[in-house]
Structures are given as structure tokens and as C-alpha cells.
Amino acid sequence: MDPESDVVRLQDKLRDFAGARQWNQFHQPKNLAMALGGEAGELLAQLQWLSNEEVTERLLDGDLRPRLEDEVADVLIYLLRFADVTGIDPVSAAWAKIERNEERYPVELARGNARKYTDLAKDGQAPQP
């Protein structure tokens, strides 16, 4: 299935869901961005005090996965709703960002490190944003 059509179908469903409940008055960009931040925080809270090993173990055991799935869904729902309300195509925006990052983080400079592109040096020049 085409991922872009899945995104459009989800946005259509979310728009209908909000509209039927007369929630569009609340679904303004600022409010949706704040809700998205809150949901991202709830995702973080699920992992906050766990080691990497504990996360891996609990994902395999199954007790963590359903909670993470719910939080991932909440983050995605608010992100798609935000994108819809602001007229941003999230798939196009993601592809454009990936293309910029390909230039910002050349493999020969970025492999194996987590430095920001402004800190990567190539012949004395940092890649441009």
C-alpha cells in the first residue's frame, strides 16, 4: 500500500473525527503543537528510568510494547492533525528534510559520530544548512 495514501486516509479520518465532535475550534496550530509536545513527553516517560537493556527486554516480554504503541499513535495523530490544519504535507516535508540531511551529513564525515552538521568539517568547511 502507498504510504502517502495511508497518511491522507488517516488525515481524512482525523479531520472527520474532529469535525463530528466540533473540535476544530480547539485544533488550532498552537494547541495541536502543545498537545504533540505533551504526547511526546508521555512517550519519553514510558522509557525514562529504564536502561537500554530493560527497554529491549520489556519490548520482547510485551508489557512495554502496548504502552509505547499507544503513545506512538498519539504522537502520530497529533502530528498528522497539525500538518493537516497548517497545510503541510508531512511526507513531502520528510523527503525534503532527508535530502537536506544527505547534504548536511556526508557519509564520510558523519559515519560513527553524533555531531551536528555545523560541527562537521570538510576541508575546513562545515556543510551548509
C-alpha atoms as a PDB file:
ATOM      1  CA  MET A   1       0.000   0.000   0.000  1.00  0.00           C
ATOM      2  CA  ASP A   2       1.195   3.523  -0.787  1.00  0.00           C
ATOM      3  CA  PRO A   3       2.328   5.192   2.468  1.00  0.00           C
ATOM      4  CA  GLU A   4       1.281   8.600   1.188  1.00  0.00           C
ATOM      5  CA  SER A   5      -2.273   7.395   0.637  1.00  0.00           C
ATOM      6  CA  ASP A   6      -2.229   5.930   4.167  1.00  0.00           C
ATOM      7  CA  VAL A   7      -1.271   9.352   5.511  1.00  0.00           C
ATOM      8  CA  VAL A   8      -4.039  11.039   3.504  1.00  0.00           C
ATOM      9  CA  ARG A   9      -6.581   8.458   4.670  1.00  0.00           C
ATOM     10  CA  LEU A  10      -5.536   8.949   8.286  1.00  0.00           C
ATOM     11  CA  GLN A  11      -5.753  12.723   7.956  1.00  0.00           C
ATOM     12  CA  ASP A  12      -9.202  12.421   6.381  1.00  0.00           C
ATOM     13  CA  LYS A  13     -10.351  10.170   9.234  1.00  0.00           C
ATOM     14  CA  LEU A  14      -8.908  12.511  11.881  1.00  0.00           C
ATOM     15  CA  ARG A  15     -10.485  15.553  10.208  1.00  0.00           C
ATOM     16  CA  ASP A  16     -13.880  13.802  10.150  1.00  0.00           C
ATOM     17  CA  PHE A  17     -13.449  12.649  13.757  1.00  0.00           C
ATOM     18  CA  ALA A  18     -12.661  16.177  14.966  1.00  0.00           C
ATOM     19  CA  GLY A  19     -15.377  17.736  12.830  1.00  0.00           C
ATOM     20  CA  ALA A  20     -18.101  15.395  14.096  1.00  0.00           C
ATOM     21  CA  ARG A  21     -17.219  16.409  17.657  1.00  0.00           C
ATOM     22  CA  GLN A  22     -16.911  20.125  16.806  1.00  0.00           C
ATOM     23  CA  TRP A  23     -13.294  20.087  17.948  1.00  0.00           C
ATOM     24  CA  ASN A  24     -11.936  22.184  15.082  1.00  0.00           C
ATOM     25  CA  GLN A  25     -12.221  25.241  17.313  1.00  0.00           C
ATOM     26  CA  PHE A  26      -9.653  23.594  19.591  1.00  0.00           C
ATOM     27  CA  HIS A  27      -7.477  22.185  16.814  1.00  0.00           C
ATOM     28  CA  GLN A  28      -5.507  25.335  16.128  1.00  0.00           C
ATOM     29  CA  PRO A  29      -1.792  25.053  15.285  1.00  0.00           C
ATOM     30  CA  LYS A  30      -0.568  26.261  18.695  1.00  0.00           C
ATOM     31  CA  ASN A  31      -2.884  23.930  20.589  1.00  0.00           C
ATOM     32  CA  LEU A  32      -2.015  20.961  18.406  1.00  0.00           C
ATOM     33  CA  ALA A  33       1.723  21.660  18.740  1.00  0.00           C
ATOM     34  CA  MET A  34       1.338  21.804  22.516  1.00  0.00           C
ATOM     35  CA  ALA A  35      -0.641  18.561  22.539  1.00  0.00           C
ATOM     36  CA  LEU A  36       2.019  16.950  20.340  1.00  0.00           C
ATOM     37  CA  GLY A  37       4.721  18.024  22.773  1.00  0.00           C
ATOM     38  CA  GLY A  38       2.724  16.596  25.663  1.00  0.00           C
ATOM     39  CA  GLU A  39       2.263  13.269  23.927  1.00  0.00           C
ATOM     40  CA  ALA A  40       5.962  13.121  23.049  1.00  0.00           C
ATOM     41  CA  GLY A  41       6.617  13.662  26.758  1.00  0.00           C
ATOM     42  CA  GLU A  42       4.319  10.762  27.610  1.00  0.00           C
ATOM     43  CA  LEU A  43       6.299   8.578  25.204  1.00  0.00           C
ATOM     44  CA  LEU A  44       9.514   9.643  26.922  1.00  0.00           C
ATOM     45  CA  ALA A  45       8.005   8.939  30.340  1.00  0.00           C
ATOM     46  CA  GLN A  46       7.490   5.292  29.383  1.00  0.00           C
ATOM     47  CA  LEU A  47      11.258   4.929  28.930  1.00  0.00           C
ATOM     48  CA  GLN A  48      12.567   7.476  31.424  1.00  0.00           C
ATOM     49  CA  TRP A  49      14.104   5.250  34.095  1.00  0.00           C
ATOM     50  CA  LEU A  50      14.792   2.152  32.018  1.00  0.00           C
ATOM     51  CA  SER A  51      18.208   1.102  30.771  1.00  0.00           C
ATOM     52  CA  ASN A  52      18.597   0.210  27.099  1.00  0.00           C
ATOM     53  CA  GLU A  53      18.693  -3.448  28.136  1.00  0.00           C
ATOM     54  CA  GLU A  54      15.456  -3.105  30.103  1.00  0.00           C
ATOM     55  CA  VAL A  55      13.738  -1.467  27.146  1.00  0.00           C
ATOM     56  CA  THR A  56      14.800  -4.308  24.870  1.00  0.00           C
ATOM     57  CA  GLU A  57      13.714  -6.927  27.403  1.00  0.00           C
ATOM     58  CA  ARG A  58      10.331  -5.315  28.071  1.00  0.00           C
ATOM     59  CA  LEU A  59       9.652  -4.880  24.376  1.00  0.00           C
ATOM     60  CA  LEU A  60      10.205  -8.601  23.934  1.00  0.00           C
ATOM     61  CA  ASP A  61       8.181  -9.517  27.054  1.00  0.00           C
ATOM     62  CA  GLY A  62       5.273  -7.499  25.766  1.00  0.00           C
ATOM     63  CA  ASP A  63       4.463  -5.361  28.816  1.00  0.00           C
ATOM     64  CA  LEU A  64       6.035  -2.199  27.376  1.00  0.00           C
ATOM     65  CA  ARG A  65       5.043  -2.557  23.721  1.00  0.00           C
ATOM     66  CA  PRO A  66       1.292  -1.804  24.098  1.00  0.00           C
ATOM     67  CA  ARG A  67       2.014   1.357  26.099  1.00  0.00           C
ATOM     68  CA  LEU A  68       4.566   2.530  23.543  1.00  0.00           C
ATOM     69  CA  GLU A  69       2.179   1.756  20.703  1.00  0.00           C
ATOM     70  CA  ASP A  70      -0.478   3.953  22.320  1.00  0.00           C
ATOM     71  CA  GLU A  71       1.969   6.818  22.791  1.00  0.00           C
ATOM     72  CA  VAL A  72       3.351   6.478  19.260  1.00  0.00           C
ATOM     73  CA  ALA A  73      -0.226   6.574  17.974  1.00  0.00           C
ATOM     74  CA  ASP A  74      -0.970   9.714  19.991  1.00  0.00           C
ATOM     75  CA  VAL A  75       2.165  11.447  18.682  1.00  0.00           C
ATOM     76  CA  LEU A  76       1.350  10.480  15.096  1.00  0.00           C
ATOM     77  CA  ILE A  77      -2.289  11.540  15.419  1.00  0.00           C
ATOM     78  CA  TYR A  78      -1.395  14.989  16.723  1.00  0.00           C
ATOM     79  CA  LEU A  79       1.395  15.383  14.170  1.00  0.00           C
ATOM     80  CA  LEU A  80      -0.906  14.486  11.281  1.00  0.00           C
ATOM     81  CA  ARG A  81      -3.646  16.743  12.620  1.00  0.00           C
ATOM     82  CA  PHE A  82      -1.137  19.607  12.978  1.00  0.00           C
ATOM     83  CA  ALA A  83       0.115  19.049   9.422  1.00  0.00           C
ATOM     84  CA  ASP A  84      -3.446  18.955   8.091  1.00  0.00           C
ATOM     85  CA  VAL A  85      -4.501  22.160   9.870  1.00  0.00           C
ATOM     86  CA  THR A  86      -1.366  24.016   8.721  1.00  0.00           C
ATOM     87  CA  GLY A  87      -1.481  22.673   5.166  1.00  0.00           C
ATOM     88  CA  ILE A  88       1.884  20.945   5.452  1.00  0.00           C
ATOM     89  CA  ASP A  89       2.357  17.722   3.506  1.00  0.00           C
ATOM     90  CA  PRO A  90       4.242  15.634   6.087  1.00  0.00           C
ATOM     91  CA  VAL A  91       5.548  13.119   3.558  1.00  0.00           C
ATOM     92  CA  SER A  92       6.920  15.805   1.225  1.00  0.00           C
ATOM     93  CA  ALA A  93       8.376  17.673   4.199  1.00  0.00           C
ATOM     94  CA  ALA A  94      10.097  14.494   5.413  1.00  0.00           C
ATOM     95  CA  TRP A  95      11.570  13.741   1.972  1.00  0.00           C
ATOM     96  CA  ALA A  96      12.828  17.322   1.656  1.00  0.00           C
ATOM     97  CA  LYS A  97      14.421  17.134   5.122  1.00  0.00           C
ATOM     98  CA  ILE A  98      16.090  13.824   4.281  1.00  0.00           C
ATOM     99  CA  GLU A  99      17.539  15.392   1.124  1.00  0.00           C
ATOM    100  CA  ARG A 100      18.890  18.351   3.122  1.00  0.00           C
ATOM    101  CA  ASN A 101      20.352  15.981   5.702  1.00  0.00           C
ATOM    102  CA  GLU A 102      22.067  13.979   2.946  1.00  0.00           C
ATOM    103  CA  GLU A 103      23.989  17.180   2.161  1.00  0.00           C
ATOM    104  CA  ARG A 104      24.454  18.249   5.781  1.00  0.00           C
ATOM    105  CA  TYR A 105      25.745  14.877   6.928  1.00  0.00           C
ATOM    106  CA  PRO A 106      28.055  13.464   4.250  1.00  0.00           C
ATOM    107  CA  VAL A 107      28.740   9.805   4.979  1.00  0.00           C
ATOM    108  CA  GLU A 108      32.496  10.292   5.055  1.00  0.00           C
ATOM    109  CA  LEU A 109      32.149  12.928   7.802  1.00  0.00           C
ATOM    110  CA  ALA A 110      29.149  11.727   9.759  1.00  0.00           C
ATOM    111  CA  ARG A 111      29.753   7.972   9.946  1.00  0.00           C
ATOM    112  CA  GLY A 112      30.006   6.794  13.541  1.00  0.00           C
ATOM    113  CA  ASN A 113      29.544  10.132  15.293  1.00  0.00           C
ATOM    114  CA  ALA A 114      26.622  12.197  16.520  1.00  0.00           C
ATOM    115  CA  ARG A 115      27.986  15.670  15.893  1.00  0.00           C
ATOM    116  CA  LYS A 116      25.617  18.255  14.472  1.00  0.00           C
ATOM    117  CA  TYR A 117      26.186  19.174  10.826  1.00  0.00           C
ATOM    118  CA  THR A 118      27.501  22.593  11.844  1.00  0.00           C
ATOM    119  CA  ASP A 119      30.321  20.826  13.702  1.00  0.00           C
ATOM    120  CA  LEU A 120      31.321  18.532  10.862  1.00  0.00           C
ATOM    121  CA  ALA A 121      34.325  19.862   8.974  1.00  0.00           C
ATOM    122  CA  LYS A 122      35.250  19.045   5.413  1.00  0.00           C
ATOM    123  CA  ASP A 123      38.419  20.665   4.188  1.00  0.00           C
ATOM    124  CA  GLY A 124      37.918  23.315   6.846  1.00  0.00           C
ATOM    125  CA  GLN A 125      34.356  23.989   5.715  1.00  0.00           C
ATOM    126  CA  ALA A 126      31.221  22.956   7.585  1.00  0.00           C
ATOM    127  CA  PRO A 127      28.335  21.693   5.449  1.00  0.00           C
ATOM    128  CA  GLN A 128      25.734  24.380   4.859  1.00  0.00           C
ATOM    129  CA  PRO A 129      22.222  24.082   6.321  1.00  0.00           C
END
